[in-house]
Amino acid sequence: MIKRHTMTRTTMLAFAALWLSACTILPESEPLSVYQLPAPQMQPSAAGQSLPTLRINTPRTGFALSTPRMLVKPDGNQVSSYKGARWTDPVPVVLREHLAKAFTQQGSPARVSTDEHALHADVHLGSDLQQFQVRYDGLQPVAVIELDARLVNPNSREVLAARRFLVEQPLDNPQPPGVVEALKLASDELAEQVIAWTAESLEGYEAE
């Protein structure tokens, strides 16, 4: 009986030692910096104010862009992410909110909503996000946003207009803070183009 008790206690001490050693060799979590995309700075315009009620839906995208990772394409077809850097939300949500704020600043806030609130709207702005990342052209890093947008009648599901947008913004600083600034400028330019196209496409449009 005494021998069995001694063996059991020895075994327990051995397992405890192994557990403690495992705790010390596990990798520590890397420091994580979370970035928000700065809000757009848009001036009110007749184009934004004349729009019908509009719902901006979250862009659809592939797996790589559906996360909060800050992506970079350093060479060829390889896609990587900046170590320790994340957006506050998944990339499609970040872009949706930026577009919604831009539309709101250019027109009446009561006329713009997103699919998060599921409110009724005369027209839906849907899209497919192809790129929202940094790409290296030789040695020059460039922030790139590529968006396939479409305006849809939510009742008939008719596509009223469709267009591909491609915006590029050179980086002054290839580190995450510089990436954030470049993508903010690119997002502002994208928003201006999308708002102008939307106003032109829906000129004279009458909701059902």
Protein backbone atom coordinates (compact mmCIF):
# COMPACT_ATOMS: atom_id res chain seq x y z
CA MET A 1 0.00 0.00 0.00
CA ILE A 2 2.80 2.38 0.91
CA LYS A 3 4.65 1.59 -2.32
CA ARG A 4 1.56 2.25 -4.47
CA HIS A 5 0.96 5.57 -2.70
CA THR A 6 4.56 6.61 -3.31
CA MET A 7 4.35 5.74 -7.01
CA THR A 8 1.12 7.64 -7.44
CA ARG A 9 2.54 10.71 -5.77
CA THR A 10 5.69 10.48 -7.88
CA THR A 11 3.63 10.21 -11.05
CA MET A 12 1.57 13.25 -10.09
CA LEU A 13 4.72 15.29 -9.44
CA ALA A 14 6.12 14.25 -12.81
CA PHE A 15 2.95 15.32 -14.63
CA ALA A 16 2.99 18.62 -12.76
CA ALA A 17 6.58 19.26 -13.80
CA LEU A 18 5.75 18.50 -17.44
CA TRP A 19 2.73 20.83 -17.32
CA LEU A 20 4.79 23.68 -15.89
CA SER A 21 7.51 23.21 -18.49
CA ALA A 22 4.90 23.22 -21.27
CA CYS A 23 3.56 26.53 -19.99
CA THR A 24 6.98 28.10 -20.23
CA ILE A 25 7.66 26.97 -23.82
CA LEU A 26 4.31 28.03 -25.30
CA PRO A 27 4.79 31.04 -27.63
CA GLU A 28 3.68 34.37 -26.26
CA SER A 29 0.91 36.16 -28.16
CA GLU A 30 2.26 38.89 -30.43
CA PRO A 31 1.49 42.53 -29.64
CA LEU A 32 -1.58 43.61 -31.59
CA SER A 33 -2.32 47.11 -32.86
CA VAL A 34 -5.90 47.77 -33.95
CA TYR A 35 -6.52 50.54 -36.49
CA GLN A 36 -9.69 52.30 -37.53
CA LEU A 37 -10.12 53.83 -40.96
CA PRO A 38 -10.38 57.61 -40.42
CA ALA A 39 -13.80 59.06 -41.25
CA PRO A 40 -14.26 60.70 -44.65
CA GLN A 41 -14.27 64.47 -44.99
CA MET A 42 -16.93 65.17 -47.61
CA GLN A 43 -18.63 68.47 -48.43
CA PRO A 44 -22.44 68.59 -48.83
CA SER A 45 -23.45 68.56 -52.48
CA ALA A 46 -26.59 68.66 -54.60
CA ALA A 47 -25.70 65.20 -55.90
CA GLY A 48 -25.91 63.64 -52.47
CA GLN A 49 -29.02 65.55 -51.45
CA SER A 50 -31.04 64.56 -54.52
CA LEU A 51 -30.67 60.81 -54.07
CA PRO A 52 -33.62 58.53 -53.27
CA THR A 53 -33.43 56.58 -50.02
CA LEU A 54 -30.42 54.29 -50.28
CA ARG A 55 -29.31 51.19 -48.41
CA ILE A 56 -25.61 50.39 -48.57
CA ASN A 57 -25.10 46.66 -48.25
CA THR A 58 -21.93 45.08 -46.91
CA PRO A 59 -19.67 44.24 -49.87
CA ARG A 60 -19.30 40.58 -50.68
CA THR A 61 -15.75 39.29 -50.89
CA GLY A 62 -13.50 36.26 -50.66
CA PHE A 63 -12.05 34.67 -47.55
CA ALA A 64 -8.82 36.70 -47.36
CA LEU A 65 -10.66 40.04 -47.38
CA SER A 66 -13.44 38.92 -45.06
CA THR A 67 -11.23 39.25 -41.96
CA PRO A 68 -9.85 42.28 -40.07
CA ARG A 69 -6.32 41.56 -41.34
CA MET A 70 -4.40 44.35 -43.08
CA LEU A 71 -3.37 42.74 -46.36
CA VAL A 72 -0.31 43.28 -48.53
CA LYS A 73 0.62 41.75 -51.87
CA PRO A 74 4.43 41.91 -51.93
CA ASP A 75 5.14 39.94 -55.07
CA GLY A 76 3.29 38.06 -57.77
CA ASN A 77 0.16 36.30 -56.51
CA GLN A 78 1.29 35.97 -52.89
CA VAL A 79 -0.97 37.68 -50.36
CA SER A 80 0.27 38.31 -46.81
CA SER A 81 -0.82 40.41 -43.85
CA TYR A 82 0.96 42.97 -41.70
CA LYS A 83 2.12 41.26 -38.52
CA GLY A 84 0.40 42.56 -35.40
CA ALA A 85 -1.89 44.97 -37.30
CA ARG A 86 -5.68 44.65 -37.58
CA TRP A 87 -8.68 46.76 -38.56
CA THR A 88 -11.41 47.39 -36.00
CA ASP A 89 -13.84 45.28 -38.09
CA PRO A 90 -13.70 42.91 -41.03
CA VAL A 91 -12.63 44.78 -44.16
CA PRO A 92 -16.07 44.74 -45.88
CA VAL A 93 -17.66 46.33 -42.80
CA VAL A 94 -14.90 48.96 -42.61
CA LEU A 95 -15.54 49.96 -46.24
CA ARG A 96 -19.33 49.85 -45.87
CA GLU A 97 -19.22 52.23 -42.92
CA HIS A 98 -16.86 54.58 -44.76
CA LEU A 99 -19.18 54.74 -47.76
CA ALA A 100 -22.23 55.24 -45.55
CA LYS A 101 -20.58 58.14 -43.73
CA ALA A 102 -19.55 59.71 -47.03
CA PHE A 103 -23.08 59.48 -48.46
CA THR A 104 -24.46 60.90 -45.20
CA GLN A 105 -22.06 63.85 -45.26
CA GLN A 106 -23.02 64.71 -48.84
CA GLY A 107 -26.77 64.40 -48.35
CA SER A 108 -29.53 63.91 -45.81
CA PRO A 109 -28.65 61.39 -43.05
CA ALA A 110 -32.25 60.20 -43.00
CA ARG A 111 -31.94 58.97 -46.61
CA VAL A 112 -28.97 56.64 -46.06
CA SER A 113 -28.86 53.35 -44.14
CA THR A 114 -26.98 50.04 -44.19
CA ASP A 115 -28.02 46.41 -44.21
CA GLU A 116 -27.11 46.27 -40.51
CA HIS A 117 -30.36 48.11 -39.75
CA ALA A 118 -32.48 46.40 -42.48
CA LEU A 119 -34.55 49.54 -43.08
CA HIS A 120 -36.66 50.05 -46.19
CA ALA A 121 -34.91 51.91 -49.00
CA ASP A 122 -35.82 52.78 -52.58
CA VAL A 123 -32.49 51.52 -53.93
CA HIS A 124 -29.84 49.12 -52.66
CA LEU A 125 -26.13 49.64 -53.33
CA GLY A 126 -24.57 46.18 -53.51
CA SER A 127 -21.00 45.36 -54.39
CA ASP A 128 -18.21 42.81 -54.65
CA LEU A 129 -14.90 43.84 -53.08
CA GLN A 130 -11.98 42.57 -55.15
CA GLN A 131 -9.07 44.45 -53.55
CA PHE A 132 -8.48 46.45 -50.37
CA GLN A 133 -4.79 46.09 -49.76
CA VAL A 134 -1.27 47.27 -50.42
CA ARG A 135 0.37 46.13 -53.64
CA TYR A 136 4.01 46.53 -54.58
CA ASP A 137 4.69 47.77 -58.12
CA GLY A 138 8.42 47.21 -58.24
CA LEU A 139 9.70 49.05 -55.17
CA GLN A 140 6.73 51.43 -54.93
CA PRO A 141 3.95 50.36 -52.53
CA VAL A 142 0.45 51.39 -53.60
CA ALA A 143 -2.85 51.18 -51.70
CA VAL A 144 -5.47 49.63 -53.98
CA ILE A 145 -9.27 49.41 -53.72
CA GLU A 146 -11.23 47.60 -56.41
CA LEU A 147 -15.01 47.45 -56.10
CA ASP A 148 -17.69 46.09 -58.45
CA ALA A 149 -20.77 48.13 -57.55
CA ARG A 150 -24.40 47.81 -58.62
CA LEU A 151 -27.59 49.73 -57.90
CA VAL A 152 -30.57 47.43 -57.45
CA ASN A 153 -34.33 47.93 -57.24
CA PRO A 154 -35.13 45.89 -54.10
CA ASN A 155 -38.68 45.12 -55.26
CA SER A 156 -38.03 43.86 -58.78
CA ARG A 157 -34.37 42.87 -58.16
CA GLU A 158 -33.55 44.75 -61.38
CA VAL A 159 -29.98 46.01 -61.69
CA LEU A 160 -30.35 49.70 -62.49
CA ALA A 161 -26.65 50.37 -63.06
CA ALA A 162 -23.31 48.62 -62.56
CA ARG A 163 -19.70 49.79 -62.65
CA ARG A 164 -16.22 48.71 -61.59
CA PHE A 165 -14.19 51.18 -59.54
CA LEU A 166 -10.42 51.01 -59.20
CA VAL A 167 -8.58 53.52 -57.01
CA GLU A 168 -4.83 53.55 -56.33
CA GLN A 169 -2.94 55.69 -53.81
CA PRO A 170 0.89 55.65 -53.44
CA LEU A 171 2.24 55.17 -49.92
CA ASP A 172 4.64 57.60 -48.31
CA ASN A 173 5.18 55.18 -45.41
CA PRO A 174 4.97 51.38 -45.91
CA GLN A 175 4.38 50.73 -42.19
CA PRO A 176 0.81 50.19 -40.87
CA PRO A 177 0.15 53.88 -39.97
CA GLY A 178 1.10 54.84 -43.52
CA VAL A 179 -1.07 52.05 -44.91
CA VAL A 180 -4.04 53.36 -42.94
CA GLU A 181 -3.53 56.90 -44.26
CA ALA A 182 -3.17 55.76 -47.88
CA LEU A 183 -6.25 53.52 -47.73
CA LYS A 184 -8.18 56.39 -46.12
CA LEU A 185 -7.32 58.67 -49.06
CA ALA A 186 -8.19 55.89 -51.51
CA SER A 187 -11.50 55.27 -49.71
CA ASP A 188 -12.34 58.98 -49.89
CA GLU A 189 -11.66 59.02 -53.62
CA LEU A 190 -13.71 55.85 -54.07
CA ALA A 191 -16.60 57.40 -52.12
CA GLU A 192 -16.56 60.53 -54.28
CA GLN A 193 -16.68 58.46 -57.45
CA VAL A 194 -19.42 56.16 -56.16
CA ILE A 195 -21.59 59.08 -54.99
CA ALA A 196 -21.25 60.91 -58.33
CA TRP A 197 -22.02 57.71 -60.28
CA THR A 198 -25.00 56.91 -58.06
CA ALA A 199 -26.48 60.39 -58.48
CA GLU A 200 -26.00 60.27 -62.24
CA SER A 201 -27.43 56.74 -62.55
CA LEU A 202 -30.51 57.53 -60.45
CA GLU A 203 -31.28 60.94 -61.91
CA GLY A 204 -35.03 61.04 -62.48
CA TYR A 205 -35.51 57.63 -60.85
CA GLU A 206 -38.93 57.18 -59.28
CA ALA A 207 -39.36 54.56 -56.57
CA GLU A 208 -42.16 52.02 -57.00
